[in-house]
């Protein structure tokens, strides 16, 4: 019995310490739960969704089944009889996929250009920063519309390219500012004196020190990316019509706002809740990962 108590005490102490550290982090549990639900829907959509999101049911469409009126379609159906709940679940998958791919590509391009701009300086810095100014000074939605039109209309690939082309500049400018400070530190000076090539210094010494900044920028841009994708889909130049995307669902119900209010309201609420949750989570991540903010708290 005594042996069991001795072996249990360290485990209990470890659990208590872990819970104390978790409380100290002040994790925003509600936004974290919403984003976890989004991730689960995105990954397991075929298993969770009760119906095929693109399978019409003319009889149900004629009946105009609303939300909370029966157990078969708890959130109602659209004009074609397609289940709203299933389309919302698959819409989470489309939003998550486009956001991750476009932000991932934009982060790679923007981080590489930001590091090169900040470390090399000179004409490289001037060229990259003026290009960033041009991108960031142009209305984001209009720039995305132009890129999608040039690419040939609606399509997931075109949406990813359009979003990537508009977000990389934010990464580049933020990373460049960090690199200007990092390259003045002693370990960079010692590496230069030792004759280490510039590309090795940027990869081995500069990049690891800007990873936290990259993660913070990603977390803050996810909500904007989801909103941009929904806006493009609403305007008809994003995801192809008929796909279960939240922006398309809002667009499909805009002509029936009074009698079929749930067609636009439910996907609109989904967009609002996810974007707000991502913004709150991004603010918390920034406060947690940025040591300068930790010192001021």
C-alpha atoms as a PDB file:
ATOM      1  CA  UNK A   1       0.000   0.000   0.000  1.00  0.00           C
ATOM      2  CA  UNK A   2       2.825   2.370   0.906  1.00  0.00           C
ATOM      3  CA  UNK A   3       4.562   1.569  -2.375  1.00  0.00           C
ATOM      4  CA  UNK A   4       1.409   2.459  -4.303  1.00  0.00           C
ATOM      5  CA  UNK A   5       1.189   5.816  -2.508  1.00  0.00           C
ATOM      6  CA  UNK A   6       4.840   6.553  -3.282  1.00  0.00           C
ATOM      7  CA  UNK A   7       4.414   5.759  -6.953  1.00  0.00           C
ATOM      8  CA  UNK A   8       1.171   7.725  -7.198  1.00  0.00           C
ATOM      9  CA  UNK A   9       2.505  10.873  -5.542  1.00  0.00           C
ATOM     10  CA  UNK A  10       4.894  11.922  -8.379  1.00  0.00           C
ATOM     11  CA  UNK A  11       2.144  11.354 -10.948  1.00  0.00           C
ATOM     12  CA  UNK A  12      -0.269  13.442  -8.940  1.00  0.00           C
ATOM     13  CA  UNK A  13       2.324  16.180  -8.516  1.00  0.00           C
ATOM     14  CA  UNK A  14       3.020  16.126 -12.259  1.00  0.00           C
ATOM     15  CA  UNK A  15      -0.684  16.430 -13.052  1.00  0.00           C
ATOM     16  CA  UNK A  16      -1.060  19.353 -10.647  1.00  0.00           C
ATOM     17  CA  UNK A  17       1.976  21.104 -12.121  1.00  0.00           C
ATOM     18  CA  UNK A  18       0.668  20.508 -15.632  1.00  0.00           C
ATOM     19  CA  UNK A  19      -2.728  21.960 -14.755  1.00  0.00           C
ATOM     20  CA  UNK A  20      -1.059  24.962 -13.125  1.00  0.00           C
ATOM     21  CA  UNK A  21       1.005  25.645 -16.242  1.00  0.00           C
ATOM     22  CA  UNK A  22      -2.120  25.267 -18.386  1.00  0.00           C
ATOM     23  CA  UNK A  23      -3.992  27.779 -16.252  1.00  0.00           C
ATOM     24  CA  UNK A  24      -1.030  30.155 -16.459  1.00  0.00           C
ATOM     25  CA  UNK A  25      -1.256  30.087 -20.251  1.00  0.00           C
ATOM     26  CA  UNK A  26      -4.833  31.417 -20.066  1.00  0.00           C
ATOM     27  CA  UNK A  27      -5.942  29.358 -23.039  1.00  0.00           C
ATOM     28  CA  UNK A  28      -9.123  30.756 -24.683  1.00  0.00           C
ATOM     29  CA  UNK A  29     -11.140  27.568 -24.357  1.00  0.00           C
ATOM     30  CA  UNK A  30     -14.222  28.640 -26.307  1.00  0.00           C
ATOM     31  CA  UNK A  31     -12.286  29.701 -29.449  1.00  0.00           C
ATOM     32  CA  UNK A  32     -10.105  26.602 -29.085  1.00  0.00           C
ATOM     33  CA  UNK A  33     -13.205  24.378 -28.913  1.00  0.00           C
ATOM     34  CA  UNK A  34     -14.703  26.051 -31.996  1.00  0.00           C
ATOM     35  CA  UNK A  35     -11.497  25.588 -33.979  1.00  0.00           C
ATOM     36  CA  UNK A  36     -11.240  21.974 -32.812  1.00  0.00           C
ATOM     37  CA  UNK A  37     -14.785  21.384 -34.045  1.00  0.00           C
ATOM     38  CA  UNK A  38     -13.831  22.987 -37.366  1.00  0.00           C
ATOM     39  CA  UNK A  39     -10.821  20.685 -37.671  1.00  0.00           C
ATOM     40  CA  UNK A  40     -12.891  17.601 -36.825  1.00  0.00           C
ATOM     41  CA  UNK A  41     -15.507  18.529 -39.429  1.00  0.00           C
ATOM     42  CA  UNK A  42     -12.809  19.169 -42.020  1.00  0.00           C
ATOM     43  CA  UNK A  43     -11.029  15.852 -41.445  1.00  0.00           C
ATOM     44  CA  UNK A  44     -14.002  13.560 -40.816  1.00  0.00           C
ATOM     45  CA  UNK A  45     -16.675  15.231 -42.980  1.00  0.00           C
ATOM     46  CA  UNK A  46     -17.625  12.010 -44.859  1.00  0.00           C
ATOM     47  CA  UNK A  47     -18.135  10.208 -41.540  1.00  0.00           C
ATOM     48  CA  UNK A  48     -19.972  13.007 -39.722  1.00  0.00           C
ATOM     49  CA  UNK A  49     -22.255  14.382 -42.435  1.00  0.00           C
ATOM     50  CA  UNK A  50     -25.600  12.535 -42.464  1.00  0.00           C
ATOM     51  CA  UNK A  51     -26.196  13.062 -46.214  1.00  0.00           C
ATOM     52  CA  UNK A  52     -24.382  13.716 -49.449  1.00  0.00           C
ATOM     53  CA  UNK A  53     -24.086  17.545 -49.544  1.00  0.00           C
ATOM     54  CA  UNK A  54     -24.686  17.663 -53.305  1.00  0.00           C
ATOM     55  CA  UNK A  55     -27.497  15.122 -53.528  1.00  0.00           C
ATOM     56  CA  UNK A  56     -30.790  16.948 -54.218  1.00  0.00           C
ATOM     57  CA  UNK A  57     -34.181  15.834 -52.940  1.00  0.00           C
ATOM     58  CA  UNK A  58     -36.913  17.554 -54.936  1.00  0.00           C
ATOM     59  CA  UNK A  59     -39.701  16.545 -52.535  1.00  0.00           C
ATOM     60  CA  UNK A  60     -37.948  18.058 -49.535  1.00  0.00           C
ATOM     61  CA  UNK A  61     -37.101  21.145 -51.558  1.00  0.00           C
ATOM     62  CA  UNK A  62     -40.760  21.666 -52.406  1.00  0.00           C
ATOM     63  CA  UNK A  63     -41.722  21.219 -48.753  1.00  0.00           C
ATOM     64  CA  UNK A  64     -39.144  23.880 -47.772  1.00  0.00           C
ATOM     65  CA  UNK A  65     -38.195  22.134 -44.540  1.00  0.00           C
ATOM     66  CA  UNK A  66     -36.786  24.633 -42.060  1.00  0.00           C
ATOM     67  CA  UNK A  67     -34.427  24.163 -39.142  1.00  0.00           C
ATOM     68  CA  UNK A  68     -35.531  22.299 -36.003  1.00  0.00           C
ATOM     69  CA  UNK A  69     -38.698  20.976 -37.618  1.00  0.00           C
ATOM     70  CA  UNK A  70     -37.733  17.306 -37.983  1.00  0.00           C
ATOM     71  CA  UNK A  71     -34.981  14.918 -36.935  1.00  0.00           C
ATOM     72  CA  UNK A  72     -33.941  13.929 -40.464  1.00  0.00           C
ATOM     73  CA  UNK A  73     -32.798  17.427 -41.381  1.00  0.00           C
ATOM     74  CA  UNK A  74     -32.178  19.258 -38.095  1.00  0.00           C
ATOM     75  CA  UNK A  75     -30.994  22.450 -39.835  1.00  0.00           C
ATOM     76  CA  UNK A  76     -33.422  22.235 -42.733  1.00  0.00           C
ATOM     77  CA  UNK A  77     -32.823  21.919 -46.466  1.00  0.00           C
ATOM     78  CA  UNK A  78     -32.166  24.335 -49.325  1.00  0.00           C
ATOM     79  CA  UNK A  79     -34.259  24.979 -52.425  1.00  0.00           C
ATOM     80  CA  UNK A  80     -33.005  21.755 -54.028  1.00  0.00           C
ATOM     81  CA  UNK A  81     -33.659  19.671 -50.922  1.00  0.00           C
ATOM     82  CA  UNK A  82     -29.992  19.325 -49.965  1.00  0.00           C
ATOM     83  CA  UNK A  83     -29.289  18.938 -46.252  1.00  0.00           C
ATOM     84  CA  UNK A  84     -27.980  22.185 -44.725  1.00  0.00           C
ATOM     85  CA  UNK A  85     -26.099  20.453 -41.897  1.00  0.00           C
ATOM     86  CA  UNK A  86     -24.189  18.241 -44.329  1.00  0.00           C
ATOM     87  CA  UNK A  87     -23.328  21.222 -46.503  1.00  0.00           C
ATOM     88  CA  UNK A  88     -22.084  23.196 -43.478  1.00  0.00           C
ATOM     89  CA  UNK A  89     -19.847  20.290 -42.439  1.00  0.00           C
ATOM     90  CA  UNK A  90     -18.370  19.929 -45.915  1.00  0.00           C
ATOM     91  CA  UNK A  91     -18.075  23.698 -46.117  1.00  0.00           C
ATOM     92  CA  UNK A  92     -15.752  23.556 -43.108  1.00  0.00           C
ATOM     93  CA  UNK A  93     -13.545  21.137 -45.062  1.00  0.00           C
ATOM     94  CA  UNK A  94     -13.367  23.466 -48.077  1.00  0.00           C
ATOM     95  CA  UNK A  95     -12.595  26.533 -45.938  1.00  0.00           C
ATOM     96  CA  UNK A  96      -9.910  24.712 -43.928  1.00  0.00           C
ATOM     97  CA  UNK A  97      -8.299  23.220 -47.036  1.00  0.00           C
ATOM     98  CA  UNK A  98      -8.121  26.497 -48.945  1.00  0.00           C
ATOM     99  CA  UNK A  99      -6.885  28.408 -45.873  1.00  0.00           C
ATOM    100  CA  UNK A 100      -4.124  25.929 -45.027  1.00  0.00           C
ATOM    101  CA  UNK A 101      -2.843  25.553 -48.587  1.00  0.00           C
ATOM    102  CA  UNK A 102      -2.944  29.241 -49.489  1.00  0.00           C
ATOM    103  CA  UNK A 103      -1.493  30.414 -46.166  1.00  0.00           C
ATOM    104  CA  UNK A 104       1.158  27.684 -46.242  1.00  0.00           C
ATOM    105  CA  UNK A 105       2.315  28.711 -49.723  1.00  0.00           C
ATOM    106  CA  UNK A 106       2.069  32.399 -48.854  1.00  0.00           C
ATOM    107  CA  UNK A 107       4.071  31.843 -45.663  1.00  0.00           C
ATOM    108  CA  UNK A 108       6.861  30.036 -47.528  1.00  0.00           C
ATOM    109  CA  UNK A 109       7.147  32.732 -50.220  1.00  0.00           C
ATOM    110  CA  UNK A 110       6.731  35.666 -47.831  1.00  0.00           C
ATOM    111  CA  UNK A 111       9.151  34.303 -45.232  1.00  0.00           C
ATOM    112  CA  UNK A 112      11.849  33.605 -47.829  1.00  0.00           C
ATOM    113  CA  UNK A 113      11.513  37.079 -49.340  1.00  0.00           C
ATOM    114  CA  UNK A 114      11.321  38.736 -45.919  1.00  0.00           C
ATOM    115  CA  UNK A 115      14.507  37.042 -44.711  1.00  0.00           C
ATOM    116  CA  UNK A 116      16.344  37.869 -47.929  1.00  0.00           C
ATOM    117  CA  UNK A 117      15.110  41.464 -47.864  1.00  0.00           C
ATOM    118  CA  UNK A 118      16.052  42.071 -44.244  1.00  0.00           C
ATOM    119  CA  UNK A 119      19.415  40.305 -44.267  1.00  0.00           C
ATOM    120  CA  UNK A 120      20.776  41.235 -47.705  1.00  0.00           C
ATOM    121  CA  UNK A 121      19.380  44.777 -47.753  1.00  0.00           C
ATOM    122  CA  UNK A 122      20.276  47.191 -50.522  1.00  0.00           C
ATOM    123  CA  UNK A 123      18.440  46.912 -53.828  1.00  0.00           C
ATOM    124  CA  UNK A 124      16.913  43.578 -52.809  1.00  0.00           C
ATOM    125  CA  UNK A 125      15.292  45.190 -49.780  1.00  0.00           C
ATOM    126  CA  UNK A 126      14.020  48.144 -51.816  1.00  0.00           C
ATOM    127  CA  UNK A 127      12.548  45.929 -54.547  1.00  0.00           C
ATOM    128  CA  UNK A 128      10.791  43.521 -52.157  1.00  0.00           C
ATOM    129  CA  UNK A 129       9.405  46.256 -49.917  1.00  0.00           C
ATOM    130  CA  UNK A 130       8.086  48.343 -52.824  1.00  0.00           C
ATOM    131  CA  UNK A 131       6.360  45.241 -54.168  1.00  0.00           C
ATOM    132  CA  UNK A 132       4.863  44.618 -50.721  1.00  0.00           C
ATOM    133  CA  UNK A 133       3.641  48.222 -50.607  1.00  0.00           C
ATOM    134  CA  UNK A 134       1.962  47.772 -53.985  1.00  0.00           C
ATOM    135  CA  UNK A 135       0.245  44.543 -52.916  1.00  0.00           C
ATOM    136  CA  UNK A 136      -0.863  45.818 -49.508  1.00  0.00           C
ATOM    137  CA  UNK A 137      -1.977  49.184 -50.876  1.00  0.00           C
ATOM    138  CA  UNK A 138      -4.324  47.555 -53.380  1.00  0.00           C
ATOM    139  CA  UNK A 139      -7.793  46.442 -52.177  1.00  0.00           C
ATOM    140  CA  UNK A 140      -7.442  42.756 -51.312  1.00  0.00           C
ATOM    141  CA  UNK A 141     -10.780  41.598 -52.687  1.00  0.00           C
ATOM    142  CA  UNK A 142     -10.262  43.542 -55.944  1.00  0.00           C
ATOM    143  CA  UNK A 143      -6.773  42.098 -56.401  1.00  0.00           C
ATOM    144  CA  UNK A 144      -8.126  38.599 -55.780  1.00  0.00           C
ATOM    145  CA  UNK A 145     -10.910  39.204 -58.321  1.00  0.00           C
ATOM    146  CA  UNK A 146      -8.377  40.294 -60.948  1.00  0.00           C
ATOM    147  CA  UNK A 147      -6.168  37.263 -60.326  1.00  0.00           C
ATOM    148  CA  UNK A 148      -9.119  34.848 -60.485  1.00  0.00           C
ATOM    149  CA  UNK A 149     -10.294  36.471 -63.732  1.00  0.00           C
ATOM    150  CA  UNK A 150      -6.817  36.151 -65.239  1.00  0.00           C
ATOM    151  CA  UNK A 151      -6.631  32.504 -64.156  1.00  0.00           C
ATOM    152  CA  UNK A 152      -9.865  31.717 -65.986  1.00  0.00           C
ATOM    153  CA  UNK A 153     -12.780  31.902 -63.549  1.00  0.00           C
ATOM    154  CA  UNK A 154     -13.981  29.934 -60.567  1.00  0.00           C
ATOM    155  CA  UNK A 155     -12.046  26.998 -59.156  1.00  0.00           C
ATOM    156  CA  UNK A 156     -10.325  25.926 -55.949  1.00  0.00           C
ATOM    157  CA  UNK A 157      -6.877  26.185 -57.535  1.00  0.00           C
ATOM    158  CA  UNK A 158      -7.538  29.735 -58.711  1.00  0.00           C
ATOM    159  CA  UNK A 159      -8.816  30.750 -55.275  1.00  0.00           C
ATOM    160  CA  UNK A 160      -5.650  29.365 -53.639  1.00  0.00           C
ATOM    161  CA  UNK A 161      -3.449  31.297 -56.079  1.00  0.00           C
ATOM    162  CA  UNK A 162      -5.438  34.498 -55.557  1.00  0.00           C
ATOM    163  CA  UNK A 163      -5.268  34.299 -51.756  1.00  0.00           C
ATOM    164  CA  UNK A 164      -1.588  33.347 -51.758  1.00  0.00           C
ATOM    165  CA  UNK A 165      -0.802  36.333 -53.987  1.00  0.00           C
ATOM    166  CA  UNK A 166      -2.471  38.683 -51.505  1.00  0.00           C
ATOM    167  CA  UNK A 167      -1.120  37.326 -48.188  1.00  0.00           C
ATOM    168  CA  UNK A 168       2.575  36.752 -48.885  1.00  0.00           C
ATOM    169  CA  UNK A 169       3.308  40.485 -48.579  1.00  0.00           C
ATOM    170  CA  UNK A 170       2.138  40.535 -44.953  1.00  0.00           C
ATOM    171  CA  UNK A 171       4.554  37.719 -44.107  1.00  0.00           C
ATOM    172  CA  UNK A 172       7.408  39.418 -45.963  1.00  0.00           C
ATOM    173  CA  UNK A 173       6.979  42.770 -44.238  1.00  0.00           C
ATOM    174  CA  UNK A 174       6.614  41.302 -40.757  1.00  0.00           C
ATOM    175  CA  UNK A 175       9.551  38.908 -41.143  1.00  0.00           C
ATOM    176  CA  UNK A 176      11.760  41.599 -42.645  1.00  0.00           C
ATOM    177  CA  UNK A 177      11.272  43.743 -39.544  1.00  0.00           C
ATOM    178  CA  UNK A 178      12.301  40.832 -37.305  1.00  0.00           C
ATOM    179  CA  UNK A 179      15.369  40.065 -39.418  1.00  0.00           C
ATOM    180  CA  UNK A 180      16.613  43.657 -39.218  1.00  0.00           C
ATOM    181  CA  UNK A 181      16.845  43.195 -35.447  1.00  0.00           C
ATOM    182  CA  UNK A 182      18.195  39.628 -35.516  1.00  0.00           C
ATOM    183  CA  UNK A 183      21.074  40.328 -37.899  1.00  0.00           C
ATOM    184  CA  UNK A 184      22.549  42.849 -35.431  1.00  0.00           C
ATOM    185  CA  UNK A 185      22.966  40.230 -32.711  1.00  0.00           C
ATOM    186  CA  UNK A 186      26.307  38.791 -31.669  1.00  0.00           C
ATOM    187  CA  UNK A 187      25.785  35.244 -32.942  1.00  0.00           C
ATOM    188  CA  UNK A 188      25.140  36.567 -36.466  1.00  0.00           C
ATOM    189  CA  UNK A 189      28.263  38.740 -36.282  1.00  0.00           C
ATOM    190  CA  UNK A 190      30.344  35.760 -35.142  1.00  0.00           C
ATOM    191  CA  UNK A 191      28.994  33.651 -38.003  1.00  0.00           C
ATOM    192  CA  UNK A 192      29.938  36.358 -40.510  1.00  0.00           C
ATOM    193  CA  UNK A 193      33.425  36.700 -39.027  1.00  0.00           C
ATOM    194  CA  UNK A 194      33.842  32.916 -39.199  1.00  0.00           C
ATOM    195  CA  UNK A 195      33.175  33.058 -42.937  1.00  0.00           C
ATOM    196  CA  UNK A 196      29.831  31.267 -42.944  1.00  0.00           C
ATOM    197  CA  UNK A 197      28.029  31.831 -46.288  1.00  0.00           C
ATOM    198  CA  UNK A 198      25.040  34.162 -46.243  1.00  0.00           C
ATOM    199  CA  UNK A 199      22.532  31.503 -47.337  1.00  0.00           C
ATOM    200  CA  UNK A 200      23.679  29.232 -44.500  1.00  0.00           C
ATOM    201  CA  UNK A 201      23.322  32.055 -41.959  1.00  0.00           C
ATOM    202  CA  UNK A 202      19.814  32.850 -43.199  1.00  0.00           C
ATOM    203  CA  UNK A 203      18.753  29.192 -43.024  1.00  0.00           C
ATOM    204  CA  UNK A 204      20.462  28.021 -39.826  1.00  0.00           C
ATOM    205  CA  UNK A 205      20.580  31.168 -37.719  1.00  0.00           C
ATOM    206  CA  UNK A 206      17.952  33.638 -38.930  1.00  0.00           C
ATOM    207  CA  UNK A 207      15.059  31.384 -39.901  1.00  0.00           C
ATOM    208  CA  UNK A 208      14.778  29.519 -36.536  1.00  0.00           C
ATOM    209  CA  UNK A 209      14.460  32.886 -34.810  1.00  0.00           C
ATOM    210  CA  UNK A 210      11.480  34.003 -36.922  1.00  0.00           C
ATOM    211  CA  UNK A 211       9.433  30.785 -36.701  1.00  0.00           C
ATOM    212  CA  UNK A 212       7.344  32.149 -33.830  1.00  0.00           C
ATOM    213  CA  UNK A 213       6.548  35.260 -35.846  1.00  0.00           C
ATOM    214  CA  UNK A 214       5.498  33.136 -38.815  1.00  0.00           C
ATOM    215  CA  UNK A 215       3.121  31.122 -36.617  1.00  0.00           C
ATOM    216  CA  UNK A 216       1.629  34.291 -35.163  1.00  0.00           C
ATOM    217  CA  UNK A 217       1.026  35.819 -38.603  1.00  0.00           C
ATOM    218  CA  UNK A 218      -0.565  32.572 -39.819  1.00  0.00           C
ATOM    219  CA  UNK A 219      -2.935  32.447 -36.855  1.00  0.00           C
ATOM    220  CA  UNK A 220      -3.954  36.071 -37.390  1.00  0.00           C
ATOM    221  CA  UNK A 221      -4.537  35.616 -41.137  1.00  0.00           C
ATOM    222  CA  UNK A 222      -6.572  32.398 -41.058  1.00  0.00           C
ATOM    223  CA  UNK A 223      -9.776  34.258 -40.250  1.00  0.00           C
ATOM    224  CA  UNK A 224      -9.146  36.818 -42.994  1.00  0.00           C
ATOM    225  CA  UNK A 225      -8.400  34.025 -45.462  1.00  0.00           C
ATOM    226  CA  UNK A 226     -11.657  32.216 -44.674  1.00  0.00           C
ATOM    227  CA  UNK A 227     -13.543  35.490 -45.073  1.00  0.00           C
ATOM    228  CA  UNK A 228     -11.796  36.224 -48.385  1.00  0.00           C
ATOM    229  CA  UNK A 229     -12.585  32.757 -49.734  1.00  0.00           C
ATOM    230  CA  UNK A 230     -16.226  33.141 -48.706  1.00  0.00           C
ATOM    231  CA  UNK A 231     -16.385  36.579 -50.349  1.00  0.00           C
ATOM    232  CA  UNK A 232     -14.979  35.252 -53.629  1.00  0.00           C
ATOM    233  CA  UNK A 233     -17.409  32.329 -53.581  1.00  0.00           C
ATOM    234  CA  UNK A 234     -20.296  34.692 -52.821  1.00  0.00           C
ATOM    235  CA  UNK A 235     -19.360  36.798 -55.841  1.00  0.00           C
ATOM    236  CA  UNK A 236     -19.257  33.713 -58.052  1.00  0.00           C
ATOM    237  CA  UNK A 237     -15.505  33.705 -58.738  1.00  0.00           C
ATOM    238  CA  UNK A 238     -14.410  31.373 -55.959  1.00  0.00           C
ATOM    239  CA  UNK A 239     -15.388  27.760 -55.510  1.00  0.00           C
ATOM    240  CA  UNK A 240     -17.530  26.511 -58.448  1.00  0.00           C
ATOM    241  CA  UNK A 241     -21.313  26.945 -57.997  1.00  0.00           C
ATOM    242  CA  UNK A 242     -23.061  23.994 -56.389  1.00  0.00           C
ATOM    243  CA  UNK A 243     -20.137  23.085 -54.137  1.00  0.00           C
ATOM    244  CA  UNK A 244     -20.888  23.054 -50.388  1.00  0.00           C
ATOM    245  CA  UNK A 245     -18.907  26.202 -49.607  1.00  0.00           C
ATOM    246  CA  UNK A 246     -20.154  28.682 -47.007  1.00  0.00           C
ATOM    247  CA  UNK A 247     -19.890  31.675 -49.345  1.00  0.00           C
ATOM    248  CA  UNK A 248     -21.885  29.885 -52.042  1.00  0.00           C
ATOM    249  CA  UNK A 249     -24.538  28.902 -49.501  1.00  0.00           C
ATOM    250  CA  UNK A 250     -24.943  32.550 -48.472  1.00  0.00           C
ATOM    251  CA  UNK A 251     -25.196  33.547 -52.127  1.00  0.00           C
ATOM    252  CA  UNK A 252     -27.802  30.870 -52.894  1.00  0.00           C
ATOM    253  CA  UNK A 253     -30.100  32.140 -50.154  1.00  0.00           C
ATOM    254  CA  UNK A 254     -29.743  35.879 -50.706  1.00  0.00           C
ATOM    255  CA  UNK A 255     -32.913  36.070 -52.852  1.00  0.00           C
ATOM    256  CA  UNK A 256     -35.032  34.366 -50.178  1.00  0.00           C
ATOM    257  CA  UNK A 257     -33.959  36.157 -47.013  1.00  0.00           C
ATOM    258  CA  UNK A 258     -37.508  36.708 -45.732  1.00  0.00           C
ATOM    259  CA  UNK A 259     -39.193  33.337 -46.233  1.00  0.00           C
ATOM    260  CA  UNK A 260     -36.127  31.020 -46.288  1.00  0.00           C
ATOM    261  CA  UNK A 261     -33.957  32.919 -43.841  1.00  0.00           C
ATOM    262  CA  UNK A 262     -31.911  29.903 -42.744  1.00  0.00           C
ATOM    263  CA  UNK A 263     -30.316  29.464 -46.177  1.00  0.00           C
ATOM    264  CA  UNK A 264     -28.059  32.503 -45.705  1.00  0.00           C
ATOM    265  CA  UNK A 265     -28.174  32.963 -41.941  1.00  0.00           C
ATOM    266  CA  UNK A 266     -26.692  29.597 -40.931  1.00  0.00           C
ATOM    267  CA  UNK A 267     -23.615  29.673 -43.192  1.00  0.00           C
ATOM    268  CA  UNK A 268     -23.212  33.369 -42.382  1.00  0.00           C
ATOM    269  CA  UNK A 269     -23.150  32.527 -38.677  1.00  0.00           C
ATOM    270  CA  UNK A 270     -20.632  29.757 -39.333  1.00  0.00           C
ATOM    271  CA  UNK A 271     -18.303  32.213 -41.074  1.00  0.00           C
ATOM    272  CA  UNK A 272     -18.707  34.802 -38.306  1.00  0.00           C
ATOM    273  CA  UNK A 273     -18.116  32.368 -35.450  1.00  0.00           C
ATOM    274  CA  UNK A 274     -15.054  30.746 -37.036  1.00  0.00           C
ATOM    275  CA  UNK A 275     -13.447  34.071 -37.990  1.00  0.00           C
ATOM    276  CA  UNK A 276     -13.999  35.516 -34.506  1.00  0.00           C
ATOM    277  CA  UNK A 277     -12.665  32.347 -32.855  1.00  0.00           C
ATOM    278  CA  UNK A 278      -9.572  32.414 -35.037  1.00  0.00           C
ATOM    279  CA  UNK A 279      -8.955  36.087 -34.278  1.00  0.00           C
ATOM    280  CA  UNK A 280      -9.241  35.527 -30.515  1.00  0.00           C
ATOM    281  CA  UNK A 281      -6.983  32.473 -30.723  1.00  0.00           C
ATOM    282  CA  UNK A 282      -4.470  34.398 -32.837  1.00  0.00           C
ATOM    283  CA  UNK A 283      -4.343  37.207 -30.281  1.00  0.00           C
ATOM    284  CA  UNK A 284      -3.696  34.678 -27.514  1.00  0.00           C
ATOM    285  CA  UNK A 285      -0.980  32.939 -29.548  1.00  0.00           C
ATOM    286  CA  UNK A 286       0.714  36.261 -30.239  1.00  0.00           C
ATOM    287  CA  UNK A 287       0.704  37.166 -26.541  1.00  0.00           C
ATOM    288  CA  UNK A 288       2.068  33.711 -25.663  1.00  0.00           C
ATOM    289  CA  UNK A 289       4.832  33.375 -28.256  1.00  0.00           C
ATOM    290  CA  UNK A 290       6.071  36.978 -28.330  1.00  0.00           C
ATOM    291  CA  UNK A 291       8.560  37.375 -25.435  1.00  0.00           C
ATOM    292  CA  UNK A 292       8.265  41.165 -25.539  1.00  0.00           C
ATOM    293  CA  UNK A 293       4.528  40.926 -24.807  1.00  0.00           C
ATOM    294  CA  UNK A 294       5.169  38.356 -22.060  1.00  0.00           C
ATOM    295  CA  UNK A 295       7.485  40.780 -20.283  1.00  0.00           C
ATOM    296  CA  UNK A 296       4.855  43.511 -20.278  1.00  0.00           C
ATOM    297  CA  UNK A 297       2.113  41.369 -18.764  1.00  0.00           C
END
